[in-house]
Amino acid sequence: MRLTLKILIIFFISVVSSSSKEHLYYKIGLFDYKHETGGMALNIKNVTDNTFNFLNLGELSQIYEFTGFIDKNNWFSKGEQIKKREEYSIYLSSGLQKKIDLSQKISLVPSFSIGLYEEFDDGKDMGYPVEFKSEIELNYNLSKSSLFGVTWNHISNADIGGTNPGSDSVLINFIIKE
């Protein structure tokens, strides 16, 4: 299983980072900030040139994401029952997003994706390897070549697993186009 997961990670990172740099977003923030199992989240998001028109939603862009979660020595954990643990997990996903321009500089970007989640060591058990992510970004274009924003997302298995603890994350996102 671990070998298969490593192969999937390598494949997914190569897919995420293979397109032009102008479509690559970087995000950093807090994973699962509502629970004791919080951690730091690092995300790479590739917005592809593939678009779909679905019902009345207009043009939706295909996305691929790689997210790593880490909490070493309980830097981000909280609560009275904190035990010494190292938490690691990853989430690989693909989905669709819709960019909504609110003004020339500000955009709102809702997205939905489905992916695979795997915890390592004492990482958060999400109840099932298949997880769904709903996300919303608020971005500000600093210039033609850079963007800064904030993201909130919820990851959950929609009760298809034995348990469904879910997680909520807040991230800061940026892109610097060449």
N, C-alpha and C. Protein backbone atom coordinates (compact mmCIF):
# COMPACT_ATOMS: atom_id res chain seq x y z
N MET A 1 0.83 -1.20 0.00
CA MET A 1 0.00 0.00 0.00
C MET A 1 0.87 1.26 0.00
N ARG A 2 1.91 1.28 0.81
CA ARG A 2 2.77 2.46 0.89
C ARG A 2 3.48 2.71 -0.44
N LEU A 3 3.91 1.64 -1.15
CA LEU A 3 4.56 1.80 -2.45
C LEU A 3 3.57 2.39 -3.45
N THR A 4 2.35 1.90 -3.46
CA THR A 4 1.33 2.44 -4.35
C THR A 4 1.08 3.90 -4.05
N LEU A 5 1.01 4.24 -2.78
CA LEU A 5 0.79 5.63 -2.38
C LEU A 5 1.95 6.52 -2.82
N LYS A 6 3.18 6.05 -2.68
CA LYS A 6 4.34 6.82 -3.12
C LYS A 6 4.31 7.05 -4.63
N ILE A 7 3.93 6.03 -5.38
CA ILE A 7 3.83 6.17 -6.83
C ILE A 7 2.74 7.19 -7.19
N LEU A 8 1.60 7.12 -6.51
CA LEU A 8 0.53 8.09 -6.74
C LEU A 8 0.98 9.51 -6.42
N ILE A 9 1.70 9.68 -5.32
CA ILE A 9 2.19 11.01 -4.94
C ILE A 9 3.12 11.56 -6.00
N ILE A 10 4.07 10.78 -6.44
CA ILE A 10 5.02 11.22 -7.46
C ILE A 10 4.27 11.57 -8.75
N PHE A 11 3.34 10.73 -9.16
CA PHE A 11 2.56 11.00 -10.37
C PHE A 11 1.75 12.29 -10.22
N PHE A 12 1.09 12.45 -9.08
CA PHE A 12 0.23 13.61 -8.87
C PHE A 12 1.03 14.90 -8.81
N ILE A 13 2.18 14.88 -8.14
CA ILE A 13 3.02 16.08 -8.08
C ILE A 13 3.50 16.45 -9.47
N SER A 14 3.83 15.45 -10.28
CA SER A 14 4.28 15.76 -11.65
C SER A 14 3.14 16.34 -12.48
N VAL A 15 1.92 15.86 -12.29
CA VAL A 15 0.77 16.41 -13.01
C VAL A 15 0.50 17.84 -12.54
N VAL A 16 0.53 18.03 -11.22
CA VAL A 16 0.25 19.35 -10.66
C VAL A 16 1.26 20.38 -11.13
N SER A 17 2.53 20.01 -11.18
CA SER A 17 3.56 20.99 -11.50
C SER A 17 3.96 21.02 -12.97
N SER A 18 3.30 20.25 -13.83
CA SER A 18 3.72 20.18 -15.22
C SER A 18 3.20 21.31 -16.09
N SER A 19 2.15 21.98 -15.70
CA SER A 19 1.61 23.02 -16.57
C SER A 19 2.38 24.32 -16.38
N SER A 20 1.97 25.32 -17.14
CA SER A 20 2.67 26.60 -17.08
C SER A 20 2.60 27.20 -15.69
N LYS A 21 3.59 27.97 -15.33
CA LYS A 21 3.70 28.54 -13.99
C LYS A 21 2.56 29.51 -13.68
N GLU A 22 1.94 30.08 -14.70
CA GLU A 22 0.90 31.07 -14.42
C GLU A 22 -0.37 30.44 -13.86
N HIS A 23 -0.47 29.14 -13.85
CA HIS A 23 -1.65 28.47 -13.31
C HIS A 23 -1.36 27.75 -11.99
N LEU A 24 -0.19 27.93 -11.43
CA LEU A 24 0.20 27.24 -10.21
C LEU A 24 0.03 28.16 -9.00
N TYR A 25 -0.81 27.74 -8.05
CA TYR A 25 -1.05 28.50 -6.83
C TYR A 25 -0.38 27.79 -5.66
N TYR A 26 0.08 28.55 -4.70
CA TYR A 26 0.66 28.01 -3.48
C TYR A 26 -0.16 28.51 -2.30
N LYS A 27 -0.41 27.62 -1.35
CA LYS A 27 -1.21 27.99 -0.18
C LYS A 27 -0.54 27.45 1.08
N ILE A 28 -0.66 28.19 2.15
CA ILE A 28 -0.16 27.75 3.45
C ILE A 28 -1.15 28.21 4.51
N GLY A 29 -1.39 27.35 5.51
CA GLY A 29 -2.34 27.74 6.54
C GLY A 29 -2.53 26.68 7.60
N LEU A 30 -3.68 26.74 8.27
CA LEU A 30 -4.01 25.84 9.37
C LEU A 30 -5.00 24.79 8.93
N PHE A 31 -4.63 23.52 9.12
CA PHE A 31 -5.49 22.38 8.84
C PHE A 31 -6.29 22.03 10.09
N ASP A 32 -7.56 21.78 9.93
CA ASP A 32 -8.42 21.28 11.00
C ASP A 32 -8.33 22.15 12.26
N TYR A 33 -8.48 23.44 12.09
CA TYR A 33 -8.31 24.38 13.19
C TYR A 33 -9.38 24.26 14.27
N LYS A 34 -10.48 23.58 14.02
CA LYS A 34 -11.56 23.45 15.00
C LYS A 34 -11.34 22.31 16.00
N HIS A 35 -10.42 21.38 15.70
CA HIS A 35 -10.25 20.19 16.53
C HIS A 35 -8.85 20.11 17.13
N GLU A 36 -8.64 19.16 18.02
CA GLU A 36 -7.34 18.97 18.66
C GLU A 36 -6.27 18.51 17.68
N THR A 37 -6.68 17.98 16.54
CA THR A 37 -5.72 17.41 15.58
C THR A 37 -5.29 18.43 14.53
N GLY A 38 -5.21 19.68 14.88
CA GLY A 38 -4.83 20.71 13.92
C GLY A 38 -3.41 20.51 13.42
N GLY A 39 -3.07 21.24 12.36
CA GLY A 39 -1.74 21.15 11.81
C GLY A 39 -1.50 22.24 10.78
N MET A 40 -0.31 22.25 10.23
CA MET A 40 0.01 23.18 9.17
C MET A 40 -0.33 22.52 7.83
N ALA A 41 -0.95 23.28 6.95
CA ALA A 41 -1.32 22.78 5.63
C ALA A 41 -0.48 23.48 4.57
N LEU A 42 0.09 22.69 3.68
CA LEU A 42 0.83 23.21 2.52
C LEU A 42 0.16 22.67 1.28
N ASN A 43 -0.22 23.55 0.35
CA ASN A 43 -1.02 23.16 -0.81
C ASN A 43 -0.42 23.71 -2.09
N ILE A 44 -0.43 22.89 -3.14
CA ILE A 44 -0.09 23.32 -4.49
C ILE A 44 -1.33 23.04 -5.34
N LYS A 45 -1.80 24.06 -6.03
CA LYS A 45 -3.01 23.92 -6.84
C LYS A 45 -2.68 24.28 -8.29
N ASN A 46 -3.03 23.40 -9.20
CA ASN A 46 -2.83 23.62 -10.62
C ASN A 46 -4.19 23.85 -11.27
N VAL A 47 -4.40 25.04 -11.80
CA VAL A 47 -5.62 25.34 -12.55
C VAL A 47 -5.29 25.11 -14.02
N THR A 48 -5.91 24.11 -14.62
CA THR A 48 -5.59 23.74 -16.00
C THR A 48 -6.34 24.62 -17.00
N ASP A 49 -6.00 24.45 -18.26
CA ASP A 49 -6.70 25.14 -19.34
C ASP A 49 -7.96 24.40 -19.76
N ASN A 50 -8.20 23.22 -19.19
CA ASN A 50 -9.40 22.45 -19.50
C ASN A 50 -10.60 23.11 -18.85
N THR A 51 -11.62 23.41 -19.65
CA THR A 51 -12.83 24.04 -19.12
C THR A 51 -14.05 23.23 -19.53
N PHE A 52 -15.08 23.34 -18.73
CA PHE A 52 -16.32 22.63 -18.96
C PHE A 52 -17.47 23.60 -18.74
N ASN A 53 -18.52 23.48 -19.54
CA ASN A 53 -19.74 24.25 -19.33
C ASN A 53 -20.78 23.27 -18.80
N PHE A 54 -21.23 23.51 -17.59
CA PHE A 54 -22.15 22.59 -16.92
C PHE A 54 -23.40 23.35 -16.50
N LEU A 55 -24.53 22.95 -17.04
CA LEU A 55 -25.82 23.58 -16.77
C LEU A 55 -25.71 25.10 -16.91
N ASN A 56 -26.16 25.85 -15.93
CA ASN A 56 -26.10 27.31 -15.98
C ASN A 56 -24.93 27.88 -15.18
N LEU A 57 -23.96 27.04 -14.86
CA LEU A 57 -22.84 27.51 -14.05
C LEU A 57 -21.78 28.24 -14.88
N GLY A 58 -21.85 28.13 -16.18
CA GLY A 58 -20.87 28.79 -17.02
C GLY A 58 -19.59 27.98 -17.12
N GLU A 59 -18.49 28.65 -17.37
CA GLU A 59 -17.22 27.99 -17.59
C GLU A 59 -16.56 27.57 -16.27
N LEU A 60 -16.32 26.28 -16.12
CA LEU A 60 -15.65 25.73 -14.94
C LEU A 60 -14.27 25.24 -15.36
N SER A 61 -13.26 25.53 -14.57
CA SER A 61 -11.89 25.11 -14.86
C SER A 61 -11.55 23.87 -14.05
N GLN A 62 -10.83 22.95 -14.68
CA GLN A 62 -10.39 21.74 -13.99
C GLN A 62 -9.18 22.07 -13.12
N ILE A 63 -9.14 21.51 -11.91
CA ILE A 63 -8.03 21.73 -10.98
C ILE A 63 -7.48 20.41 -10.48
N TYR A 64 -6.19 20.43 -10.16
CA TYR A 64 -5.52 19.32 -9.48
C TYR A 64 -4.83 19.92 -8.25
N GLU A 65 -4.89 19.20 -7.14
CA GLU A 65 -4.26 19.71 -5.92
C GLU A 65 -3.50 18.63 -5.17
N PHE A 66 -2.40 19.06 -4.58
CA PHE A 66 -1.64 18.23 -3.65
C PHE A 66 -1.56 19.02 -2.35
N THR A 67 -1.99 18.40 -1.24
CA THR A 67 -1.94 19.06 0.06
C THR A 67 -1.26 18.14 1.06
N GLY A 68 -0.31 18.68 1.78
CA GLY A 68 0.35 17.96 2.86
C GLY A 68 0.02 18.62 4.19
N PHE A 69 -0.23 17.80 5.20
CA PHE A 69 -0.55 18.30 6.53
C PHE A 69 0.49 17.79 7.51
N ILE A 70 0.95 18.64 8.39
CA ILE A 70 1.97 18.24 9.36
C ILE A 70 1.75 18.96 10.68
N ASP A 71 1.95 18.22 11.75
CA ASP A 71 1.99 18.81 13.10
C ASP A 71 3.03 18.03 13.89
N LYS A 72 4.23 18.53 13.90
CA LYS A 72 5.33 17.89 14.59
C LYS A 72 5.44 18.50 15.98
N ASN A 73 5.51 17.66 16.99
CA ASN A 73 5.65 18.09 18.39
C ASN A 73 4.49 18.96 18.86
N ASN A 74 3.30 18.74 18.31
CA ASN A 74 2.07 19.42 18.75
C ASN A 74 2.13 20.93 18.66
N TRP A 75 2.79 21.46 17.66
CA TRP A 75 2.85 22.92 17.49
C TRP A 75 1.47 23.51 17.27
N PHE A 76 0.59 22.78 16.60
CA PHE A 76 -0.72 23.31 16.24
C PHE A 76 -1.87 22.64 16.99
N SER A 77 -1.58 21.66 17.84
CA SER A 77 -2.62 20.96 18.57
C SER A 77 -3.11 21.80 19.74
N LYS A 78 -4.30 21.49 20.19
CA LYS A 78 -4.87 22.22 21.32
C LYS A 78 -5.70 21.25 22.16
N GLY A 79 -6.14 21.70 23.29
CA GLY A 79 -6.97 20.87 24.16
C GLY A 79 -6.18 20.35 25.35
N GLU A 80 -6.92 19.83 26.33
CA GLU A 80 -6.31 19.36 27.57
C GLU A 80 -5.67 17.99 27.43
N GLN A 81 -6.13 17.18 26.52
CA GLN A 81 -5.66 15.81 26.40
C GLN A 81 -4.61 15.63 25.29
N ILE A 82 -3.77 16.65 25.08
CA ILE A 82 -2.76 16.56 24.03
C ILE A 82 -1.72 15.52 24.43
N LYS A 83 -1.48 14.59 23.53
CA LYS A 83 -0.42 13.62 23.76
C LYS A 83 0.71 13.92 22.79
N LYS A 84 1.92 13.53 23.17
CA LYS A 84 3.06 13.79 22.29
C LYS A 84 2.91 12.89 21.06
N ARG A 85 2.77 13.52 19.91
CA ARG A 85 2.59 12.77 18.68
C ARG A 85 3.08 13.62 17.50
N GLU A 86 3.36 12.93 16.43
CA GLU A 86 3.70 13.59 15.18
C GLU A 86 2.63 13.21 14.17
N GLU A 87 1.98 14.22 13.62
CA GLU A 87 0.86 13.99 12.70
C GLU A 87 1.28 14.37 11.29
N TYR A 88 1.07 13.44 10.36
CA TYR A 88 1.35 13.68 8.96
C TYR A 88 0.20 13.10 8.15
N SER A 89 -0.21 13.79 7.11
CA SER A 89 -1.20 13.24 6.19
C SER A 89 -1.11 14.00 4.86
N ILE A 90 -1.68 13.38 3.82
CA ILE A 90 -1.71 14.01 2.51
C ILE A 90 -3.10 13.87 1.92
N TYR A 91 -3.39 14.77 0.99
CA TYR A 91 -4.67 14.74 0.28
C TYR A 91 -4.40 15.10 -1.17
N LEU A 92 -4.74 14.20 -2.09
CA LEU A 92 -4.58 14.40 -3.53
C LEU A 92 -5.97 14.49 -4.13
N SER A 93 -6.23 15.56 -4.89
CA SER A 93 -7.60 15.72 -5.38
C SER A 93 -7.64 16.34 -6.77
N SER A 94 -8.80 16.21 -7.38
CA SER A 94 -9.08 16.82 -8.67
C SER A 94 -10.54 17.26 -8.65
N GLY A 95 -10.80 18.38 -9.30
CA GLY A 95 -12.17 18.88 -9.31
C GLY A 95 -12.36 20.04 -10.26
N LEU A 96 -13.36 20.85 -9.96
CA LEU A 96 -13.72 21.99 -10.80
C LEU A 96 -13.85 23.25 -9.95
N GLN A 97 -13.51 24.38 -10.57
CA GLN A 97 -13.67 25.66 -9.89
C GLN A 97 -14.29 26.67 -10.85
N LYS A 98 -14.91 27.70 -10.27
CA LYS A 98 -15.53 28.78 -11.04
C LYS A 98 -14.97 30.10 -10.52
N LYS A 99 -14.36 30.87 -11.39
CA LYS A 99 -13.84 32.19 -11.02
C LYS A 99 -14.93 33.22 -11.27
N ILE A 100 -15.26 33.99 -10.23
CA ILE A 100 -16.27 35.04 -10.33
C ILE A 100 -15.58 36.36 -10.02
N ASP A 101 -15.49 37.22 -11.01
CA ASP A 101 -14.85 38.52 -10.81
C ASP A 101 -15.85 39.46 -10.14
N LEU A 102 -15.48 39.94 -8.95
CA LEU A 102 -16.32 40.89 -8.23
C LEU A 102 -15.98 42.32 -8.62
N SER A 103 -14.74 42.54 -9.02
CA SER A 103 -14.26 43.82 -9.54
C SER A 103 -13.04 43.53 -10.40
N GLN A 104 -12.35 44.56 -10.83
CA GLN A 104 -11.15 44.35 -11.64
C GLN A 104 -10.05 43.68 -10.83
N LYS A 105 -10.04 43.88 -9.53
CA LYS A 105 -8.96 43.37 -8.68
C LYS A 105 -9.37 42.21 -7.78
N ILE A 106 -10.65 42.05 -7.51
CA ILE A 106 -11.12 41.06 -6.53
C ILE A 106 -11.92 39.96 -7.22
N SER A 107 -11.62 38.71 -6.86
CA SER A 107 -12.38 37.58 -7.41
C SER A 107 -12.74 36.59 -6.31
N LEU A 108 -13.85 35.93 -6.50
CA LEU A 108 -14.34 34.88 -5.62
C LEU A 108 -14.25 33.58 -6.40
N VAL A 109 -13.67 32.52 -5.79
CA VAL A 109 -13.45 31.27 -6.52
C VAL A 109 -13.96 30.09 -5.69
N PRO A 110 -15.21 29.67 -5.91
CA PRO A 110 -15.68 28.44 -5.27
C PRO A 110 -15.20 27.23 -6.07
N SER A 111 -14.96 26.11 -5.35
CA SER A 111 -14.55 24.89 -6.03
C SER A 111 -15.04 23.67 -5.27
N PHE A 112 -15.07 22.55 -5.98
CA PHE A 112 -15.44 21.27 -5.40
C PHE A 112 -14.51 20.22 -6.00
N SER A 113 -13.97 19.35 -5.15
CA SER A 113 -13.09 18.30 -5.66
C SER A 113 -13.29 17.01 -4.87
N ILE A 114 -12.82 15.94 -5.46
CA ILE A 114 -12.83 14.62 -4.83
C ILE A 114 -11.40 14.11 -4.86
N GLY A 115 -11.00 13.43 -3.79
CA GLY A 115 -9.63 12.97 -3.75
C GLY A 115 -9.39 11.84 -2.77
N LEU A 116 -8.11 11.50 -2.64
CA LEU A 116 -7.67 10.44 -1.74
C LEU A 116 -6.91 11.05 -0.58
N TYR A 117 -7.24 10.61 0.62
CA TYR A 117 -6.62 11.10 1.84
C TYR A 117 -5.92 9.93 2.52
N GLU A 118 -4.72 10.17 3.01
CA GLU A 118 -3.97 9.13 3.73
C GLU A 118 -3.25 9.77 4.90
N GLU A 119 -3.43 9.17 6.09
CA GLU A 119 -2.72 9.65 7.28
C GLU A 119 -1.53 8.74 7.57
N PHE A 120 -0.50 9.31 8.17
CA PHE A 120 0.70 8.58 8.55
C PHE A 120 0.95 8.83 10.03
N ASP A 121 1.64 7.89 10.68
CA ASP A 121 1.94 7.99 12.11
C ASP A 121 0.65 8.29 12.87
N ASP A 122 0.58 9.41 13.56
CA ASP A 122 -0.62 9.76 14.33
C ASP A 122 -1.47 10.79 13.62
N GLY A 123 -1.42 10.85 12.29
CA GLY A 123 -2.22 11.81 11.53
C GLY A 123 -3.70 11.58 11.74
N LYS A 124 -4.49 12.59 11.44
CA LYS A 124 -5.93 12.51 11.66
C LYS A 124 -6.56 11.44 10.79
N ASP A 125 -7.32 10.55 11.43
CA ASP A 125 -8.08 9.52 10.72
C ASP A 125 -9.39 10.16 10.27
N MET A 126 -9.57 10.27 8.95
CA MET A 126 -10.78 10.90 8.41
C MET A 126 -11.89 9.90 8.14
N GLY A 127 -11.68 8.61 8.45
CA GLY A 127 -12.74 7.63 8.37
C GLY A 127 -12.85 6.87 7.06
N TYR A 128 -12.25 7.37 5.99
CA TYR A 128 -12.35 6.71 4.68
C TYR A 128 -11.33 7.37 3.77
N PRO A 129 -10.72 6.62 2.85
CA PRO A 129 -9.70 7.25 2.00
C PRO A 129 -10.26 8.22 0.96
N VAL A 130 -11.52 8.04 0.54
CA VAL A 130 -12.13 8.96 -0.43
C VAL A 130 -12.75 10.12 0.34
N GLU A 131 -12.32 11.33 0.00
CA GLU A 131 -12.80 12.53 0.69
C GLU A 131 -13.21 13.58 -0.34
N PHE A 132 -14.18 14.39 0.03
CA PHE A 132 -14.68 15.46 -0.82
C PHE A 132 -14.28 16.80 -0.20
N LYS A 133 -13.95 17.75 -1.05
CA LYS A 133 -13.55 19.06 -0.53
C LYS A 133 -14.39 20.16 -1.18
N SER A 134 -15.00 20.99 -0.34
CA SER A 134 -15.67 22.21 -0.77
C SER A 134 -14.78 23.35 -0.34
N GLU A 135 -14.58 24.31 -1.25
CA GLU A 135 -13.62 25.37 -0.95
C GLU A 135 -14.10 26.69 -1.53
N ILE A 136 -13.72 27.78 -0.86
CA ILE A 136 -13.99 29.11 -1.39
C ILE A 136 -12.77 29.98 -1.16
N GLU A 137 -12.38 30.71 -2.20
CA GLU A 137 -11.23 31.61 -2.14
C GLU A 137 -11.71 33.04 -2.39
N LEU A 138 -11.07 33.98 -1.74
CA LEU A 138 -11.25 35.38 -2.02
C LEU A 138 -9.87 35.91 -2.37
N ASN A 139 -9.69 36.32 -3.63
CA ASN A 139 -8.38 36.72 -4.13
C ASN A 139 -8.35 38.19 -4.51
N TYR A 140 -7.18 38.78 -4.33
CA TYR A 140 -6.93 40.17 -4.71
C TYR A 140 -5.74 40.18 -5.66
N ASN A 141 -5.94 40.72 -6.87
CA ASN A 141 -4.87 40.82 -7.85
C ASN A 141 -4.00 42.03 -7.51
N LEU A 142 -2.78 41.76 -7.08
CA LEU A 142 -1.85 42.84 -6.76
C LEU A 142 -1.34 43.51 -8.02
N SER A 143 -1.14 42.72 -9.06
CA SER A 143 -0.71 43.21 -10.37
C SER A 143 -1.06 42.15 -11.40
N LYS A 144 -0.64 42.35 -12.64
CA LYS A 144 -0.90 41.34 -13.67
C LYS A 144 -0.13 40.06 -13.39
N SER A 145 0.92 40.16 -12.59
CA SER A 145 1.77 38.99 -12.37
C SER A 145 1.72 38.44 -10.95
N SER A 146 0.83 38.94 -10.10
CA SER A 146 0.77 38.39 -8.74
C SER A 146 -0.63 38.51 -8.15
N LEU A 147 -0.92 37.61 -7.23
CA LEU A 147 -2.22 37.52 -6.61
C LEU A 147 -2.04 37.12 -5.14
N PHE A 148 -2.90 37.59 -4.28
CA PHE A 148 -2.87 37.25 -2.87
C PHE A 148 -4.31 37.01 -2.43
N GLY A 149 -4.52 36.03 -1.56
CA GLY A 149 -5.89 35.76 -1.13
C GLY A 149 -5.97 34.90 0.11
N VAL A 150 -7.20 34.60 0.48
CA VAL A 150 -7.48 33.74 1.62
C VAL A 150 -8.46 32.65 1.18
N THR A 151 -8.26 31.46 1.74
CA THR A 151 -9.07 30.29 1.37
C THR A 151 -9.64 29.63 2.61
N TRP A 152 -10.88 29.17 2.53
CA TRP A 152 -11.47 28.32 3.56
C TRP A 152 -11.96 27.06 2.86
N ASN A 153 -11.70 25.89 3.48
CA ASN A 153 -12.22 24.65 2.89
C ASN A 153 -12.68 23.67 3.95
N HIS A 154 -13.52 22.77 3.53
CA HIS A 154 -14.03 21.69 4.38
C HIS A 154 -13.80 20.38 3.63
N ILE A 155 -13.15 19.44 4.31
CA ILE A 155 -12.91 18.11 3.74
C ILE A 155 -13.72 17.10 4.56
N SER A 156 -14.44 16.23 3.87
CA SER A 156 -15.33 15.29 4.53
C SER A 156 -15.55 14.09 3.61
N ASN A 157 -15.89 12.93 4.20
CA ASN A 157 -16.19 11.76 3.36
C ASN A 157 -17.69 11.60 3.11
N ALA A 158 -18.49 12.57 3.48
CA ALA A 158 -19.93 12.57 3.22
C ALA A 158 -20.63 11.33 3.80
N ASP A 159 -20.12 10.86 4.93
CA ASP A 159 -20.69 9.70 5.64
C ASP A 159 -20.65 8.40 4.85
N ILE A 160 -19.73 8.26 3.90
CA ILE A 160 -19.58 6.97 3.22
C ILE A 160 -18.62 6.06 3.97
N GLY A 161 -17.89 6.60 4.94
CA GLY A 161 -16.96 5.82 5.75
C GLY A 161 -17.58 5.46 7.08
N GLY A 162 -16.80 4.73 7.89
CA GLY A 162 -17.26 4.32 9.21
C GLY A 162 -17.48 5.51 10.13
N THR A 163 -16.59 6.50 10.04
CA THR A 163 -16.74 7.75 10.77
C THR A 163 -16.54 8.90 9.79
N ASN A 164 -16.96 10.08 10.21
CA ASN A 164 -16.82 11.25 9.34
C ASN A 164 -16.50 12.47 10.20
N PRO A 165 -15.25 12.56 10.70
CA PRO A 165 -14.93 13.70 11.56
C PRO A 165 -14.83 15.02 10.81
N GLY A 166 -14.48 14.99 9.53
CA GLY A 166 -14.35 16.20 8.75
C GLY A 166 -13.23 17.10 9.25
N SER A 167 -12.87 18.08 8.44
CA SER A 167 -11.86 19.05 8.84
C SER A 167 -12.13 20.36 8.13
N ASP A 168 -11.82 21.45 8.81
CA ASP A 168 -11.94 22.79 8.24
C ASP A 168 -10.57 23.43 8.27
N SER A 169 -10.20 24.07 7.17
CA SER A 169 -8.88 24.69 7.08
C SER A 169 -8.99 26.12 6.57
N VAL A 170 -8.05 26.94 7.00
CA VAL A 170 -7.93 28.32 6.54
C VAL A 170 -6.52 28.48 6.01
N LEU A 171 -6.39 29.00 4.79
CA LEU A 171 -5.08 29.15 4.16
C LEU A 171 -4.92 30.52 3.53
N ILE A 172 -3.69 30.92 3.38
CA ILE A 172 -3.34 32.12 2.62
C ILE A 172 -2.78 31.63 1.29
N ASN A 173 -3.27 32.18 0.19
CA ASN A 173 -2.83 31.73 -1.11
C ASN A 173 -2.16 32.86 -1.88
N PHE A 174 -1.22 32.47 -2.73
CA PHE A 174 -0.52 33.45 -3.55
C PHE A 174 -0.06 32.82 -4.85
N ILE A 175 0.12 33.65 -5.81
CA ILE A 175 0.66 33.22 -7.10
C ILE A 175 1.54 34.37 -7.61
N ILE A 176 2.65 34.00 -8.15
CA ILE A 176 3.54 34.96 -8.79
C ILE A 176 3.77 34.44 -10.21
N LYS A 177 3.20 35.13 -11.17
CA LYS A 177 3.30 34.70 -12.57
C LYS A 177 4.59 35.25 -13.16
N GLU A 178 5.13 34.50 -14.09
CA GLU A 178 6.35 34.95 -14.75
C GLU A 178 6.05 35.68 -16.02
